[in-house]
Amino acid sequence: MGKIEDGLDKAGQRVLTRPIPKSTQARARFLVKQLKTTRAVAELLGVSQRSVERYLTGERRHPPKPIADRIEQEVRRRWQPRVRARAAQRAATQTGITVETRARFGFTAAPGSTDDPRLRRITEHLPPDYAARLFDAHAAGATERQLEGIIAEGLQEMYFKDRGRRAQGLEVDFTGIDYIELDY
């Protein structure tokens, strides 16, 4: 996963209303309920079907750390999908999305202005139409570069062009993401 996909996933986890199951047995039970068979869970986790059955019965409570991390990651990805979907829908239609990032921004602008890329830290709220485009592109399997393009366009219009009030010919190049956090 890329940085933007990870940011969307973390933002989705912040809207959850209940904590994920704590024990390995409860987590395994949840995954089996989601995927319907122990074989599917075993393939997802990269373990044997018998191991999943042991987790379900409580016979094995403490899997190796890499397996425990994979179990937790998969449960987090699937936990409360309707709550996440409602929050994403609200962001796409009403509230928008907040982007906090530190990245290199370069510009294509009028002659005589500096266009060298430089590292900037920006926090900006993007309106719902950018959130909708970002969610739709992510759901359609867009590449990291395409997601960057949507965020770059939003930051260009809202931050650098001040919602269309200045810098009319400015084109922003958004590269070298150090970190990015999204919130909706």
N, C-alpha and C. Protein backbone atom coordinates (compact mmCIF):
# COMPACT_ATOMS: atom_id res chain seq x y z
N MET A 1 0.83 -1.19 0.00
CA MET A 1 0.00 0.00 0.00
C MET A 1 0.87 1.24 0.00
N GLY A 2 0.36 2.29 -0.60
CA GLY A 2 1.06 3.55 -0.63
C GLY A 2 0.71 4.42 0.56
N LYS A 3 1.34 5.56 0.63
CA LYS A 3 1.13 6.46 1.77
C LYS A 3 -0.28 7.02 1.81
N ILE A 4 -0.84 7.32 0.65
CA ILE A 4 -2.20 7.87 0.63
C ILE A 4 -3.22 6.79 0.98
N GLU A 5 -3.03 5.59 0.46
CA GLU A 5 -3.94 4.49 0.82
C GLU A 5 -3.88 4.20 2.32
N ASP A 6 -2.66 4.21 2.87
CA ASP A 6 -2.51 4.02 4.31
C ASP A 6 -3.21 5.15 5.08
N GLY A 7 -3.08 6.38 4.58
CA GLY A 7 -3.73 7.52 5.22
C GLY A 7 -5.25 7.39 5.21
N LEU A 8 -5.80 6.92 4.10
CA LEU A 8 -7.25 6.70 4.03
C LEU A 8 -7.69 5.60 4.99
N ASP A 9 -6.87 4.54 5.08
CA ASP A 9 -7.19 3.44 5.98
C ASP A 9 -7.16 3.90 7.44
N LYS A 10 -6.14 4.66 7.81
CA LYS A 10 -6.04 5.17 9.19
C LYS A 10 -7.17 6.14 9.51
N ALA A 11 -7.53 6.97 8.54
CA ALA A 11 -8.65 7.90 8.75
C ALA A 11 -9.94 7.11 8.97
N GLY A 12 -10.11 6.03 8.23
CA GLY A 12 -11.29 5.18 8.41
C GLY A 12 -11.32 4.52 9.78
N GLN A 13 -10.15 4.18 10.31
CA GLN A 13 -10.09 3.56 11.63
C GLN A 13 -10.42 4.55 12.75
N ARG A 14 -10.17 5.83 12.51
CA ARG A 14 -10.46 6.83 13.54
C ARG A 14 -11.96 7.10 13.70
N VAL A 15 -12.78 6.68 12.76
CA VAL A 15 -14.23 6.92 12.86
C VAL A 15 -14.96 5.74 13.49
N LEU A 16 -14.26 4.68 13.82
CA LEU A 16 -14.90 3.49 14.39
C LEU A 16 -15.51 3.81 15.74
N THR A 17 -16.62 3.16 16.04
CA THR A 17 -17.33 3.43 17.28
C THR A 17 -17.06 2.39 18.37
N ARG A 18 -16.55 1.22 17.99
CA ARG A 18 -16.24 0.17 18.96
C ARG A 18 -14.82 -0.33 18.71
N PRO A 19 -14.13 -0.74 19.77
CA PRO A 19 -12.77 -1.29 19.58
C PRO A 19 -12.84 -2.68 18.94
N ILE A 20 -11.75 -3.05 18.27
CA ILE A 20 -11.70 -4.38 17.65
C ILE A 20 -11.59 -5.44 18.74
N PRO A 21 -11.93 -6.69 18.45
CA PRO A 21 -11.80 -7.76 19.45
C PRO A 21 -10.36 -7.86 19.96
N LYS A 22 -10.21 -8.20 21.23
CA LYS A 22 -8.89 -8.24 21.86
C LYS A 22 -8.19 -9.58 21.72
N SER A 23 -8.89 -10.67 21.97
CA SER A 23 -8.23 -11.98 21.99
C SER A 23 -8.06 -12.55 20.59
N THR A 24 -7.09 -13.42 20.45
CA THR A 24 -6.85 -14.08 19.17
C THR A 24 -8.07 -14.92 18.78
N GLN A 25 -8.70 -15.55 19.76
CA GLN A 25 -9.87 -16.38 19.48
C GLN A 25 -11.00 -15.52 18.91
N ALA A 26 -11.26 -14.37 19.51
CA ALA A 26 -12.34 -13.50 19.03
C ALA A 26 -12.01 -12.94 17.65
N ARG A 27 -10.76 -12.60 17.43
CA ARG A 27 -10.35 -12.09 16.12
C ARG A 27 -10.49 -13.16 15.04
N ALA A 28 -10.08 -14.40 15.36
CA ALA A 28 -10.21 -15.50 14.41
C ALA A 28 -11.69 -15.76 14.12
N ARG A 29 -12.53 -15.72 15.14
CA ARG A 29 -13.97 -15.93 14.97
C ARG A 29 -14.55 -14.85 14.03
N PHE A 30 -14.11 -13.61 14.23
CA PHE A 30 -14.59 -12.53 13.37
C PHE A 30 -14.17 -12.75 11.92
N LEU A 31 -12.91 -13.14 11.70
CA LEU A 31 -12.43 -13.36 10.33
C LEU A 31 -13.16 -14.51 9.66
N VAL A 32 -13.41 -15.58 10.41
CA VAL A 32 -14.14 -16.72 9.84
C VAL A 32 -15.57 -16.30 9.50
N LYS A 33 -16.18 -15.49 10.34
CA LYS A 33 -17.52 -15.01 10.05
C LYS A 33 -17.52 -14.16 8.78
N GLN A 34 -16.49 -13.36 8.58
CA GLN A 34 -16.40 -12.50 7.40
C GLN A 34 -16.12 -13.29 6.13
N LEU A 35 -15.16 -14.24 6.21
CA LEU A 35 -14.72 -14.96 5.02
C LEU A 35 -15.41 -16.30 4.82
N LYS A 36 -16.21 -16.72 5.78
CA LYS A 36 -17.07 -17.91 5.71
C LYS A 36 -16.38 -19.25 5.96
N THR A 37 -15.09 -19.40 5.68
CA THR A 37 -14.43 -20.70 5.91
C THR A 37 -13.07 -20.50 6.58
N THR A 38 -12.66 -21.53 7.29
CA THR A 38 -11.34 -21.48 7.91
C THR A 38 -10.25 -21.56 6.85
N ARG A 39 -10.53 -22.23 5.75
CA ARG A 39 -9.56 -22.32 4.66
C ARG A 39 -9.26 -20.94 4.07
N ALA A 40 -10.30 -20.13 3.87
CA ALA A 40 -10.12 -18.78 3.32
C ALA A 40 -9.31 -17.91 4.29
N VAL A 41 -9.57 -18.05 5.58
CA VAL A 41 -8.82 -17.29 6.59
C VAL A 41 -7.37 -17.74 6.60
N ALA A 42 -7.16 -19.04 6.50
CA ALA A 42 -5.79 -19.57 6.48
C ALA A 42 -5.01 -19.04 5.29
N GLU A 43 -5.64 -19.01 4.11
CA GLU A 43 -4.97 -18.47 2.92
C GLU A 43 -4.68 -16.99 3.08
N LEU A 44 -5.60 -16.26 3.67
CA LEU A 44 -5.42 -14.83 3.89
C LEU A 44 -4.23 -14.55 4.81
N LEU A 45 -4.13 -15.35 5.87
CA LEU A 45 -3.09 -15.13 6.87
C LEU A 45 -1.76 -15.82 6.54
N GLY A 46 -1.80 -16.76 5.62
CA GLY A 46 -0.58 -17.49 5.28
C GLY A 46 -0.21 -18.54 6.32
N VAL A 47 -1.22 -19.16 6.92
CA VAL A 47 -1.02 -20.22 7.90
C VAL A 47 -1.83 -21.43 7.47
N SER A 48 -1.68 -22.54 8.21
CA SER A 48 -2.45 -23.73 7.87
C SER A 48 -3.89 -23.59 8.38
N GLN A 49 -4.75 -24.36 7.78
CA GLN A 49 -6.15 -24.36 8.20
C GLN A 49 -6.26 -24.86 9.63
N ARG A 50 -5.43 -25.81 9.99
CA ARG A 50 -5.44 -26.35 11.35
C ARG A 50 -5.06 -25.27 12.37
N SER A 51 -4.13 -24.38 12.02
CA SER A 51 -3.77 -23.28 12.92
C SER A 51 -4.97 -22.37 13.18
N VAL A 52 -5.72 -22.07 12.14
CA VAL A 52 -6.91 -21.23 12.30
C VAL A 52 -7.91 -21.94 13.20
N GLU A 53 -8.08 -23.24 13.03
CA GLU A 53 -8.99 -24.00 13.88
C GLU A 53 -8.53 -23.97 15.34
N ARG A 54 -7.23 -24.02 15.56
CA ARG A 54 -6.70 -23.93 16.93
C ARG A 54 -6.97 -22.55 17.54
N TYR A 55 -6.84 -21.50 16.73
CA TYR A 55 -7.15 -20.15 17.23
C TYR A 55 -8.63 -20.04 17.59
N LEU A 56 -9.49 -20.68 16.78
CA LEU A 56 -10.93 -20.63 17.03
C LEU A 56 -11.33 -21.32 18.32
N THR A 57 -10.72 -22.46 18.59
CA THR A 57 -11.08 -23.22 19.79
C THR A 57 -10.39 -22.68 21.04
N GLY A 58 -9.42 -21.82 20.88
CA GLY A 58 -8.67 -21.31 22.03
C GLY A 58 -7.53 -22.21 22.43
N GLU A 59 -7.29 -23.28 21.65
CA GLU A 59 -6.20 -24.21 21.92
C GLU A 59 -4.85 -23.50 21.78
N ARG A 60 -4.79 -22.56 20.86
CA ARG A 60 -3.57 -21.77 20.67
C ARG A 60 -3.96 -20.30 20.80
N ARG A 61 -3.45 -19.66 21.85
CA ARG A 61 -3.86 -18.29 22.14
C ARG A 61 -2.86 -17.24 21.71
N HIS A 62 -1.60 -17.62 21.59
CA HIS A 62 -0.56 -16.64 21.29
C HIS A 62 0.21 -17.05 20.03
N PRO A 63 -0.26 -16.61 18.88
CA PRO A 63 0.46 -16.94 17.64
C PRO A 63 1.78 -16.16 17.58
N PRO A 64 2.68 -16.58 16.71
CA PRO A 64 3.93 -15.82 16.55
C PRO A 64 3.61 -14.36 16.17
N LYS A 65 4.50 -13.45 16.55
CA LYS A 65 4.25 -12.02 16.36
C LYS A 65 3.86 -11.64 14.92
N PRO A 66 4.57 -12.14 13.88
CA PRO A 66 4.16 -11.75 12.52
C PRO A 66 2.73 -12.19 12.17
N ILE A 67 2.34 -13.37 12.66
CA ILE A 67 0.98 -13.87 12.41
C ILE A 67 -0.03 -13.05 13.21
N ALA A 68 0.29 -12.75 14.47
CA ALA A 68 -0.61 -11.94 15.29
C ALA A 68 -0.81 -10.56 14.67
N ASP A 69 0.26 -9.98 14.14
CA ASP A 69 0.16 -8.68 13.49
C ASP A 69 -0.72 -8.76 12.24
N ARG A 70 -0.57 -9.83 11.46
CA ARG A 70 -1.39 -10.01 10.26
C ARG A 70 -2.87 -10.17 10.63
N ILE A 71 -3.13 -10.95 11.70
CA ILE A 71 -4.51 -11.14 12.15
C ILE A 71 -5.11 -9.78 12.54
N GLU A 72 -4.37 -9.02 13.34
CA GLU A 72 -4.86 -7.71 13.77
C GLU A 72 -5.10 -6.79 12.58
N GLN A 73 -4.18 -6.77 11.65
CA GLN A 73 -4.30 -5.91 10.46
C GLN A 73 -5.55 -6.26 9.65
N GLU A 74 -5.79 -7.55 9.44
CA GLU A 74 -6.95 -7.97 8.65
C GLU A 74 -8.27 -7.68 9.38
N VAL A 75 -8.27 -7.84 10.71
CA VAL A 75 -9.48 -7.52 11.47
C VAL A 75 -9.73 -6.01 11.40
N ARG A 76 -8.69 -5.20 11.57
CA ARG A 76 -8.84 -3.74 11.49
C ARG A 76 -9.39 -3.30 10.13
N ARG A 77 -8.92 -3.95 9.07
CA ARG A 77 -9.38 -3.60 7.72
C ARG A 77 -10.86 -3.88 7.52
N ARG A 78 -11.37 -4.91 8.19
CA ARG A 78 -12.75 -5.35 7.97
C ARG A 78 -13.72 -4.91 9.06
N TRP A 79 -13.24 -4.29 10.12
CA TRP A 79 -14.07 -3.98 11.27
C TRP A 79 -14.99 -2.80 10.97
N GLN A 80 -16.26 -2.91 11.26
CA GLN A 80 -17.30 -1.89 11.12
C GLN A 80 -17.31 -1.22 9.74
N PRO A 81 -17.53 -1.99 8.69
CA PRO A 81 -17.52 -1.40 7.34
C PRO A 81 -18.64 -0.39 7.11
N ARG A 82 -19.79 -0.59 7.73
CA ARG A 82 -20.89 0.36 7.53
C ARG A 82 -20.62 1.70 8.20
N VAL A 83 -19.96 1.67 9.36
CA VAL A 83 -19.61 2.92 10.04
C VAL A 83 -18.62 3.70 9.17
N ARG A 84 -17.63 3.00 8.63
CA ARG A 84 -16.66 3.65 7.73
C ARG A 84 -17.34 4.21 6.49
N ALA A 85 -18.23 3.42 5.91
CA ALA A 85 -18.91 3.85 4.69
C ALA A 85 -19.77 5.09 4.94
N ARG A 86 -20.46 5.13 6.09
CA ARG A 86 -21.26 6.32 6.42
C ARG A 86 -20.38 7.55 6.60
N ALA A 87 -19.24 7.39 7.27
CA ALA A 87 -18.33 8.52 7.47
C ALA A 87 -17.76 9.00 6.14
N ALA A 88 -17.40 8.06 5.27
CA ALA A 88 -16.88 8.44 3.95
C ALA A 88 -17.96 9.13 3.13
N GLN A 89 -19.19 8.64 3.19
CA GLN A 89 -20.30 9.27 2.47
C GLN A 89 -20.55 10.68 2.98
N ARG A 90 -20.49 10.85 4.29
CA ARG A 90 -20.69 12.18 4.87
C ARG A 90 -19.57 13.13 4.42
N ALA A 91 -18.33 12.63 4.38
CA ALA A 91 -17.21 13.46 3.93
C ALA A 91 -17.35 13.82 2.46
N ALA A 92 -17.84 12.88 1.66
CA ALA A 92 -17.96 13.10 0.22
C ALA A 92 -19.14 14.01 -0.14
N THR A 93 -20.10 14.15 0.75
CA THR A 93 -21.27 14.96 0.42
C THR A 93 -21.43 16.22 1.29
N GLN A 94 -20.85 16.21 2.50
CA GLN A 94 -21.11 17.32 3.41
C GLN A 94 -19.87 17.98 3.98
N THR A 95 -18.98 17.20 4.59
CA THR A 95 -17.92 17.80 5.41
C THR A 95 -16.58 17.96 4.71
N GLY A 96 -16.26 17.12 3.75
CA GLY A 96 -14.96 17.20 3.10
C GLY A 96 -13.91 16.41 3.86
N ILE A 97 -12.66 16.66 3.50
CA ILE A 97 -11.54 15.90 4.07
C ILE A 97 -10.40 16.86 4.40
N THR A 98 -9.71 16.62 5.50
CA THR A 98 -8.58 17.45 5.89
C THR A 98 -7.30 16.70 5.56
N VAL A 99 -6.38 17.38 4.90
CA VAL A 99 -5.10 16.81 4.50
C VAL A 99 -3.99 17.52 5.25
N GLU A 100 -3.18 16.77 5.96
CA GLU A 100 -1.97 17.30 6.57
C GLU A 100 -0.81 16.55 5.95
N THR A 101 0.12 17.28 5.36
CA THR A 101 1.21 16.63 4.66
C THR A 101 2.49 17.44 4.74
N ARG A 102 3.57 16.74 4.61
CA ARG A 102 4.88 17.36 4.39
C ARG A 102 5.42 16.70 3.14
N ALA A 103 5.57 17.51 2.09
CA ALA A 103 5.97 16.98 0.79
C ALA A 103 6.68 18.07 0.00
N ARG A 104 7.24 17.67 -1.12
CA ARG A 104 7.88 18.62 -2.04
C ARG A 104 6.82 19.16 -2.98
N PHE A 105 6.76 20.48 -3.05
CA PHE A 105 5.85 21.16 -3.96
C PHE A 105 6.67 21.98 -4.92
N GLY A 106 6.46 21.74 -6.21
CA GLY A 106 7.08 22.54 -7.25
C GLY A 106 5.96 23.21 -8.04
N PHE A 107 6.32 24.19 -8.86
CA PHE A 107 5.30 24.98 -9.53
C PHE A 107 5.65 25.21 -10.98
N THR A 108 4.63 25.30 -11.79
CA THR A 108 4.74 25.82 -13.14
C THR A 108 3.96 27.13 -13.10
N ALA A 109 4.69 28.24 -13.21
CA ALA A 109 4.04 29.54 -13.03
C ALA A 109 4.59 30.54 -14.03
N ALA A 110 4.21 31.78 -13.86
CA ALA A 110 4.64 32.85 -14.74
C ALA A 110 6.16 33.01 -14.69
N PRO A 111 6.78 33.45 -15.80
CA PRO A 111 8.23 33.68 -15.81
C PRO A 111 8.62 34.67 -14.73
N GLY A 112 9.78 34.43 -14.13
CA GLY A 112 10.29 35.30 -13.09
C GLY A 112 9.96 34.83 -11.69
N SER A 113 9.11 33.84 -11.55
CA SER A 113 8.79 33.33 -10.22
C SER A 113 9.62 32.07 -9.97
N THR A 114 9.84 31.77 -8.72
CA THR A 114 10.62 30.59 -8.37
C THR A 114 9.74 29.35 -8.48
N ASP A 115 10.24 28.35 -9.20
CA ASP A 115 9.47 27.13 -9.37
C ASP A 115 10.21 25.90 -8.86
N ASP A 116 11.32 26.12 -8.15
CA ASP A 116 12.07 24.99 -7.61
C ASP A 116 11.25 24.28 -6.54
N PRO A 117 11.20 22.94 -6.61
CA PRO A 117 10.46 22.21 -5.57
C PRO A 117 11.11 22.40 -4.20
N ARG A 118 10.30 22.57 -3.21
CA ARG A 118 10.82 22.66 -1.85
C ARG A 118 9.86 21.97 -0.89
N LEU A 119 10.40 21.57 0.23
CA LEU A 119 9.63 20.85 1.24
C LEU A 119 8.73 21.83 1.99
N ARG A 120 7.44 21.51 2.06
CA ARG A 120 6.48 22.34 2.78
C ARG A 120 5.60 21.45 3.66
N ARG A 121 5.18 22.00 4.76
CA ARG A 121 4.21 21.31 5.62
C ARG A 121 2.91 22.09 5.51
N ILE A 122 1.87 21.41 5.05
CA ILE A 122 0.59 22.06 4.78
C ILE A 122 -0.53 21.27 5.43
N THR A 123 -1.43 21.99 6.07
CA THR A 123 -2.67 21.41 6.56
C THR A 123 -3.80 22.21 5.93
N GLU A 124 -4.64 21.53 5.18
CA GLU A 124 -5.71 22.23 4.46
C GLU A 124 -6.96 21.34 4.43
N HIS A 125 -8.11 21.99 4.58
CA HIS A 125 -9.38 21.28 4.47
C HIS A 125 -9.84 21.36 3.02
N LEU A 126 -10.10 20.21 2.42
CA LEU A 126 -10.58 20.16 1.04
C LEU A 126 -12.09 19.93 1.04
N PRO A 127 -12.81 20.59 0.13
CA PRO A 127 -14.27 20.45 0.10
C PRO A 127 -14.72 19.04 -0.29
N PRO A 128 -16.01 18.76 -0.12
CA PRO A 128 -16.54 17.41 -0.36
C PRO A 128 -16.30 16.86 -1.76
N ASP A 129 -16.26 17.70 -2.79
CA ASP A 129 -16.08 17.15 -4.13
C ASP A 129 -14.70 16.51 -4.30
N TYR A 130 -13.66 17.03 -3.65
CA TYR A 130 -12.35 16.39 -3.70
C TYR A 130 -12.35 15.10 -2.90
N ALA A 131 -13.05 15.09 -1.77
CA ALA A 131 -13.16 13.87 -0.98
C ALA A 131 -13.87 12.79 -1.79
N ALA A 132 -14.95 13.16 -2.47
CA ALA A 132 -15.70 12.20 -3.28
C ALA A 132 -14.82 11.63 -4.39
N ARG A 133 -14.07 12.48 -5.07
CA ARG A 133 -13.17 12.01 -6.13
C ARG A 133 -12.10 11.08 -5.57
N LEU A 134 -11.57 11.42 -4.40
CA LEU A 134 -10.53 10.59 -3.78
C LEU A 134 -11.08 9.21 -3.39
N PHE A 135 -12.26 9.18 -2.77
CA PHE A 135 -12.86 7.91 -2.38
C PHE A 135 -13.23 7.07 -3.59
N ASP A 136 -13.79 7.71 -4.61
CA ASP A 136 -14.17 6.98 -5.83
C ASP A 136 -12.95 6.39 -6.52
N ALA A 137 -11.89 7.17 -6.63
CA ALA A 137 -10.66 6.69 -7.27
C ALA A 137 -10.05 5.54 -6.46
N HIS A 138 -10.05 5.66 -5.16
CA HIS A 138 -9.50 4.61 -4.30
C HIS A 138 -10.31 3.32 -4.45
N ALA A 139 -11.64 3.45 -4.47
CA ALA A 139 -12.50 2.28 -4.63
C ALA A 139 -12.33 1.63 -6.00
N ALA A 140 -12.00 2.44 -7.00
CA ALA A 140 -11.81 1.92 -8.36
C ALA A 140 -10.42 1.34 -8.57
N GLY A 141 -9.58 1.39 -7.55
CA GLY A 141 -8.24 0.80 -7.65
C GLY A 141 -7.22 1.72 -8.30
N ALA A 142 -7.36 3.01 -8.11
CA ALA A 142 -6.42 3.97 -8.69
C ALA A 142 -5.02 3.78 -8.11
N THR A 143 -4.02 4.16 -8.90
CA THR A 143 -2.64 4.07 -8.44
C THR A 143 -2.35 5.18 -7.45
N GLU A 144 -1.25 5.03 -6.76
CA GLU A 144 -0.83 6.04 -5.79
C GLU A 144 -0.62 7.39 -6.49
N ARG A 145 -0.08 7.36 -7.66
CA ARG A 145 0.18 8.60 -8.42
C ARG A 145 -1.14 9.31 -8.78
N GLN A 146 -2.17 8.55 -9.11
CA GLN A 146 -3.47 9.15 -9.42
C GLN A 146 -4.10 9.77 -8.17
N LEU A 147 -3.96 9.09 -7.03
CA LEU A 147 -4.47 9.65 -5.77
C LEU A 147 -3.71 10.93 -5.41
N GLU A 148 -2.39 10.92 -5.63
CA GLU A 148 -1.58 12.13 -5.41
C GLU A 148 -2.08 13.27 -6.27
N GLY A 149 -2.44 12.97 -7.51
CA GLY A 149 -2.93 14.00 -8.43
C GLY A 149 -4.20 14.66 -7.93
N ILE A 150 -5.11 13.88 -7.36
CA ILE A 150 -6.35 14.43 -6.83
C ILE A 150 -6.06 15.35 -5.65
N ILE A 151 -5.20 14.90 -4.74
CA ILE A 151 -4.85 15.72 -3.58
C ILE A 151 -4.09 16.96 -4.03
N ALA A 152 -3.18 16.81 -4.99
CA ALA A 152 -2.42 17.96 -5.50
C ALA A 152 -3.36 19.01 -6.10
N GLU A 153 -4.34 18.56 -6.85
CA GLU A 153 -5.29 19.49 -7.44
C GLU A 153 -6.09 20.22 -6.36
N GLY A 154 -6.49 19.48 -5.34
CA GLY A 154 -7.23 20.10 -4.23
C GLY A 154 -6.39 21.12 -3.49
N LEU A 155 -5.13 20.77 -3.18
CA LEU A 155 -4.25 21.71 -2.50
C LEU A 155 -3.93 22.91 -3.38
N GLN A 156 -3.79 22.67 -4.66
CA GLN A 156 -3.52 23.75 -5.61
C GLN A 156 -4.65 24.78 -5.58
N GLU A 157 -5.89 24.29 -5.66
CA GLU A 157 -7.04 25.21 -5.70
C GLU A 157 -7.32 25.87 -4.35
N MET A 158 -7.23 25.09 -3.28
CA MET A 158 -7.64 25.62 -1.98
C MET A 158 -6.53 26.38 -1.27
N TYR A 159 -5.30 25.90 -1.36
CA TYR A 159 -4.20 26.52 -0.61
C TYR A 159 -3.42 27.51 -1.46
N PHE A 160 -2.90 27.05 -2.58
CA PHE A 160 -2.02 27.90 -3.36
C PHE A 160 -2.77 28.96 -4.17
N LYS A 161 -3.93 28.63 -4.69
CA LYS A 161 -4.70 29.61 -5.46
C LYS A 161 -5.75 30.32 -4.61
N ASP A 162 -5.81 30.00 -3.33
CA ASP A 162 -6.73 30.63 -2.39
C ASP A 162 -8.15 30.63 -2.93
N ARG A 163 -8.62 29.46 -3.30
CA ARG A 163 -9.98 29.24 -3.80
C ARG A 163 -10.29 30.06 -5.05
N GLY A 164 -9.27 30.21 -5.90
CA GLY A 164 -9.45 30.91 -7.17
C GLY A 164 -9.25 32.41 -7.09
N ARG A 165 -8.79 32.95 -5.97
CA ARG A 165 -8.65 34.40 -5.82
C ARG A 165 -7.29 34.93 -6.25
N ARG A 166 -6.31 34.02 -6.47
CA ARG A 166 -4.98 34.49 -6.89
C ARG A 166 -4.26 33.40 -7.67
N ALA A 167 -3.14 33.75 -8.25
CA ALA A 167 -2.24 32.82 -8.96
C ALA A 167 -2.98 31.97 -9.99
N GLN A 168 -3.64 32.62 -10.92
CA GLN A 168 -4.51 31.93 -11.88
C GLN A 168 -3.79 30.88 -12.72
N GLY A 169 -2.57 31.13 -13.19
CA GLY A 169 -1.88 30.20 -14.08
C GLY A 169 -1.02 29.17 -13.37
N LEU A 170 -1.13 29.09 -12.07
CA LEU A 170 -0.25 28.23 -11.27
C LEU A 170 -0.64 26.76 -11.42
N GLU A 171 0.37 25.92 -11.66
CA GLU A 171 0.20 24.46 -11.67
C GLU A 171 1.12 23.89 -10.60
N VAL A 172 0.60 23.08 -9.70
CA VAL A 172 1.37 22.54 -8.59
C VAL A 172 1.80 21.11 -8.88
N ASP A 173 3.07 20.82 -8.60
CA ASP A 173 3.60 19.47 -8.71
C ASP A 173 3.83 18.95 -7.29
N PHE A 174 3.15 17.89 -6.93
CA PHE A 174 3.14 17.33 -5.58
C PHE A 174 3.94 16.03 -5.60
N THR A 175 5.16 16.05 -5.05
CA THR A 175 6.02 14.86 -5.08
C THR A 175 6.74 14.69 -3.75
N GLY A 176 7.46 13.62 -3.64
CA GLY A 176 8.32 13.39 -2.47
C GLY A 176 7.59 13.50 -1.15
N ILE A 177 6.50 12.77 -1.01
CA ILE A 177 5.71 12.84 0.22
C ILE A 177 6.52 12.26 1.38
N ASP A 178 6.75 13.09 2.39
CA ASP A 178 7.42 12.64 3.59
C ASP A 178 6.40 11.93 4.48
N TYR A 179 5.28 12.57 4.72
CA TYR A 179 4.17 11.92 5.41
C TYR A 179 2.88 12.60 4.98
N ILE A 180 1.79 11.89 5.16
CA ILE A 180 0.47 12.45 4.86
C ILE A 180 -0.54 11.84 5.83
N GLU A 181 -1.37 12.69 6.40
CA GLU A 181 -2.45 12.24 7.26
C GLU A 181 -3.75 12.81 6.72
N LEU A 182 -4.75 11.99 6.69
CA LEU A 182 -6.07 12.39 6.20
C LEU A 182 -7.06 12.21 7.34
N ASP A 183 -8.06 13.10 7.37
CA ASP A 183 -9.08 13.00 8.40
C ASP A 183 -10.42 13.42 7.81
N TYR A 184 -11.44 12.66 8.11
CA TYR A 184 -12.79 13.03 7.66
C TYR A 184 -13.81 12.71 8.69
